[in-house]
C-alpha atoms as a PDB file:
ATOM      1  CA  GLY A   1     -66.526   5.615 -76.586  1.00  0.00           C
ATOM      2  CA  GLN A   2     -64.755   7.532 -79.315  1.00  0.00           C
ATOM      3  CA  GLU A   3     -64.213   6.142 -82.776  1.00  0.00           C
ATOM      4  CA  ILE A   4     -60.658   5.719 -84.017  1.00  0.00           C
ATOM      5  CA  ASN A   5     -60.023   7.477 -87.307  1.00  0.00           C
ATOM      6  CA  THR A   6     -59.139   5.283 -90.291  1.00  0.00           C
ATOM      7  CA  SER A   7     -55.435   6.167 -90.509  1.00  0.00           C
ATOM      8  CA  ARG A   8     -54.848   5.434 -86.804  1.00  0.00           C
ATOM      9  CA  LYS A   9     -56.776   2.185 -87.090  1.00  0.00           C
ATOM     10  CA  GLN A  10     -54.641   1.110 -90.062  1.00  0.00           C
ATOM     11  CA  ARG A  11     -51.450   2.041 -88.207  1.00  0.00           C
ATOM     12  CA  LEU A  12     -52.582   0.036 -85.172  1.00  0.00           C
ATOM     13  CA  GLU A  13     -53.346  -2.981 -87.356  1.00  0.00           C
ATOM     14  CA  GLN A  14     -49.882  -2.718 -88.959  1.00  0.00           C
ATOM     15  CA  LEU A  15     -48.265  -2.511 -85.546  1.00  0.00           C
ATOM     16  CA  VAL A  16     -50.146  -5.564 -84.284  1.00  0.00           C
ATOM     17  CA  ALA A  17     -49.248  -7.499 -87.453  1.00  0.00           C
ATOM     18  CA  SER A  18     -45.571  -6.669 -86.998  1.00  0.00           C
ATOM     19  CA  PHE A  19     -45.611  -8.201 -83.508  1.00  0.00           C
ATOM     20  CA  THR A  20     -47.233 -11.434 -84.641  1.00  0.00           C
ATOM     21  CA  GLU A  21     -44.652 -11.965 -87.401  1.00  0.00           C
ATOM     22  CA  GLN A  22     -41.713 -11.979 -84.994  1.00  0.00           C
ATOM     23  CA  THR A  23     -40.427 -15.106 -83.324  1.00  0.00           C
ATOM     24  CA  PHE A  24     -38.566 -15.034 -80.046  1.00  0.00           C
ATOM     25  CA  LYS A  25     -36.627 -18.000 -78.727  1.00  0.00           C
ATOM     26  CA  TRP A  26     -36.056 -18.260 -75.003  1.00  0.00           C
ATOM     27  CA  SER A  27     -34.069 -20.909 -73.253  1.00  0.00           C
ATOM     28  CA  ARG A  28     -36.388 -22.473 -70.686  1.00  0.00           C
ATOM     29  CA  GLN A  29     -33.773 -24.765 -69.154  1.00  0.00           C
ATOM     30  CA  VAL A  30     -32.988 -24.029 -65.521  1.00  0.00           C
ATOM     31  CA  LEU A  31     -29.980 -25.776 -64.036  1.00  0.00           C
ATOM     32  CA  THR A  32     -29.803 -26.836 -60.392  1.00  0.00           C
ATOM     33  CA  GLU A  33     -26.120 -27.782 -60.156  1.00  0.00           C
ATOM     34  CA  ALA A  34     -23.719 -26.511 -57.472  1.00  0.00           C
ATOM     35  CA  ASP A  35     -22.104 -23.983 -59.814  1.00  0.00           C
ATOM     36  CA  VAL A  36     -25.296 -21.949 -60.172  1.00  0.00           C
ATOM     37  CA  LEU A  37     -25.825 -18.592 -58.505  1.00  0.00           C
ATOM     38  CA  ARG A  38     -29.311 -17.128 -58.401  1.00  0.00           C
ATOM     39  CA  ASP A  39     -29.620 -13.504 -57.426  1.00  0.00           C
ATOM     40  CA  VAL A  40     -32.263 -10.794 -57.167  1.00  0.00           C
ATOM     41  CA  PHE A  41     -31.581  -7.313 -58.480  1.00  0.00           C
ATOM     42  CA  ARG A  42     -33.968  -4.621 -57.338  1.00  0.00           C
ATOM     43  CA  ASP A  43     -34.020  -0.884 -57.835  1.00  0.00           C
ATOM     44  CA  ALA A  44     -36.278   2.144 -57.610  1.00  0.00           C
ATOM     45  CA  SER A  45     -36.401   5.530 -59.281  1.00  0.00           C
ATOM     46  CA  LYS A  46     -38.754   8.476 -59.596  1.00  0.00           C
ATOM     47  CA  LYS A  47     -40.671   6.592 -62.326  1.00  0.00           C
ATOM     48  CA  GLY A  48     -41.032   3.127 -60.805  1.00  0.00           C
ATOM     49  CA  TYR A  49     -39.408   0.087 -59.273  1.00  0.00           C
ATOM     50  CA  VAL A  50     -38.242  -3.299 -60.493  1.00  0.00           C
ATOM     51  CA  ALA A  51     -37.050  -6.703 -59.299  1.00  0.00           C
ATOM     52  CA  VAL A  52     -35.233  -9.207 -61.528  1.00  0.00           C
ATOM     53  CA  VAL A  53     -34.267 -12.764 -60.609  1.00  0.00           C
ATOM     54  CA  TYR A  54     -31.411 -14.081 -62.694  1.00  0.00           C
ATOM     55  CA  GLU A  55     -29.042 -16.997 -62.598  1.00  0.00           C
ATOM     56  CA  ARG A  56     -25.356 -17.203 -63.369  1.00  0.00           C
ATOM     57  CA  VAL A  57     -24.104 -20.643 -64.429  1.00  0.00           C
ATOM     58  CA  ILE A  58     -20.454 -21.598 -64.731  1.00  0.00           C
ATOM     59  CA  ALA A  59     -20.386 -24.441 -67.261  1.00  0.00           C
ATOM     60  CA  LEU A  60     -17.917 -27.316 -67.177  1.00  0.00           C
ATOM     61  CA  ASP A  61     -15.894 -25.577 -69.900  1.00  0.00           C
ATOM     62  CA  ASP A  62     -15.668 -22.460 -67.625  1.00  0.00           C
ATOM     63  CA  HIS A  63     -17.996 -20.405 -69.832  1.00  0.00           C
ATOM     64  CA  ILE A  64     -20.334 -18.198 -67.835  1.00  0.00           C
ATOM     65  CA  HIS A  65     -23.986 -18.101 -68.872  1.00  0.00           C
ATOM     66  CA  THR A  66     -26.418 -15.576 -67.422  1.00  0.00           C
ATOM     67  CA  ARG A  67     -30.158 -15.596 -67.911  1.00  0.00           C
ATOM     68  CA  ILE A  68     -33.181 -13.820 -66.519  1.00  0.00           C
ATOM     69  CA  LEU A  69     -35.558 -16.173 -64.762  1.00  0.00           C
ATOM     70  CA  PHE A  70     -38.280 -13.707 -63.779  1.00  0.00           C
ATOM     71  CA  ALA A  71     -38.849  -9.956 -63.674  1.00  0.00           C
ATOM     72  CA  LYS A  72     -41.490  -7.720 -62.137  1.00  0.00           C
ATOM     73  CA  SER A  73     -41.853  -3.963 -62.523  1.00  0.00           C
ATOM     74  CA  ARG A  74     -44.293  -1.370 -61.330  1.00  0.00           C
ATOM     75  CA  LEU A  75     -44.825   2.268 -62.155  1.00  0.00           C
ATOM     76  CA  MET A  76     -44.701   4.876 -59.431  1.00  0.00           C
ATOM     77  CA  PRO A  77     -48.202   5.636 -58.096  1.00  0.00           C
ATOM     78  CA  LEU A  78     -49.887   8.920 -59.019  1.00  0.00           C
ATOM     79  CA  LYS A  79     -49.047  10.208 -55.549  1.00  0.00           C
ATOM     80  CA  PRO A  80     -45.280   9.701 -55.778  1.00  0.00           C
ATOM     81  CA  LEU A  81     -43.357   7.978 -53.014  1.00  0.00           C
ATOM     82  CA  THR A  82     -40.076   9.250 -51.705  1.00  0.00           C
ATOM     83  CA  ILE A  83     -37.067   7.402 -53.101  1.00  0.00           C
ATOM     84  CA  SER A  84     -36.551   5.794 -49.672  1.00  0.00           C
ATOM     85  CA  LYS A  85     -40.095   4.402 -49.636  1.00  0.00           C
ATOM     86  CA  ALA A  86     -39.786   3.314 -53.271  1.00  0.00           C
ATOM     87  CA  GLU A  87     -36.581   1.430 -52.365  1.00  0.00           C
ATOM     88  CA  LEU A  88     -38.497  -0.348 -49.597  1.00  0.00           C
ATOM     89  CA  VAL A  89     -41.262  -1.287 -52.042  1.00  0.00           C
ATOM     90  CA  ALA A  90     -38.607  -2.572 -54.465  1.00  0.00           C
ATOM     91  CA  ALA A  91     -37.101  -4.666 -51.651  1.00  0.00           C
ATOM     92  CA  GLN A  92     -40.534  -6.118 -50.862  1.00  0.00           C
ATOM     93  CA  ILE A  93     -41.167  -6.917 -54.539  1.00  0.00           C
ATOM     94  CA  GLY A  94     -37.696  -8.486 -54.704  1.00  0.00           C
ATOM     95  CA  ALA A  95     -38.409 -10.711 -51.700  1.00  0.00           C
ATOM     96  CA  THR A  96     -41.793 -11.901 -52.987  1.00  0.00           C
ATOM     97  CA  THR A  97     -40.323 -12.418 -56.479  1.00  0.00           C
ATOM     98  CA  ALA A  98     -37.454 -14.501 -55.060  1.00  0.00           C
ATOM     99  CA  GLN A  99     -39.908 -16.572 -53.014  1.00  0.00           C
ATOM    100  CA  TYR A 100     -42.106 -17.129 -56.094  1.00  0.00           C
ATOM    101  CA  VAL A 101     -39.145 -18.286 -58.218  1.00  0.00           C
ATOM    102  CA  CYS A 102     -37.923 -20.629 -55.464  1.00  0.00           C
ATOM    103  CA  ASN A 103     -41.400 -22.148 -55.191  1.00  0.00           C
ATOM    104  CA  GLN A 104     -41.718 -22.553 -58.974  1.00  0.00           C
ATOM    105  CA  LEU A 105     -38.267 -24.181 -59.239  1.00  0.00           C
ATOM    106  CA  GLN A 106     -38.971 -26.277 -56.128  1.00  0.00           C
ATOM    107  CA  LEU A 107     -35.887 -24.932 -54.362  1.00  0.00           C
ATOM    108  CA  HIS A 108     -37.151 -25.571 -50.854  1.00  0.00           C
ATOM    109  CA  GLU A 109     -33.759 -25.551 -49.152  1.00  0.00           C
ATOM    110  CA  THR A 110     -32.650 -22.225 -50.625  1.00  0.00           C
ATOM    111  CA  THR A 111     -31.449 -19.391 -48.432  1.00  0.00           C
ATOM    112  CA  ILE A 112     -32.569 -15.971 -49.589  1.00  0.00           C
ATOM    113  CA  ILE A 113     -30.386 -13.103 -48.442  1.00  0.00           C
ATOM    114  CA  ALA A 114     -31.848  -9.634 -48.873  1.00  0.00           C
END
């Protein structure tokens, strides 16, 4: 392998150190009340495709809270797909992502509409 020159190595170490100094707080609470809507957004482009499962909760005080539960993305393969085929791949990723989230949240009686 090639050796990294000293200035690039120092820059990489600084970059890594900057990531470890940051703290992110994520709400891990998932509600299962009747006023919860879980949905899957999926899309494709020339560069890749994505599926995101999110939930929309209407609280008792009528405030609406939205949070991402799970996301999956993939880059377009080296031999590009047509947009139509990429949309189909995004739909497949969306379906498997929705099934995974339902299994993890133990939502066995959930209807998934694609």
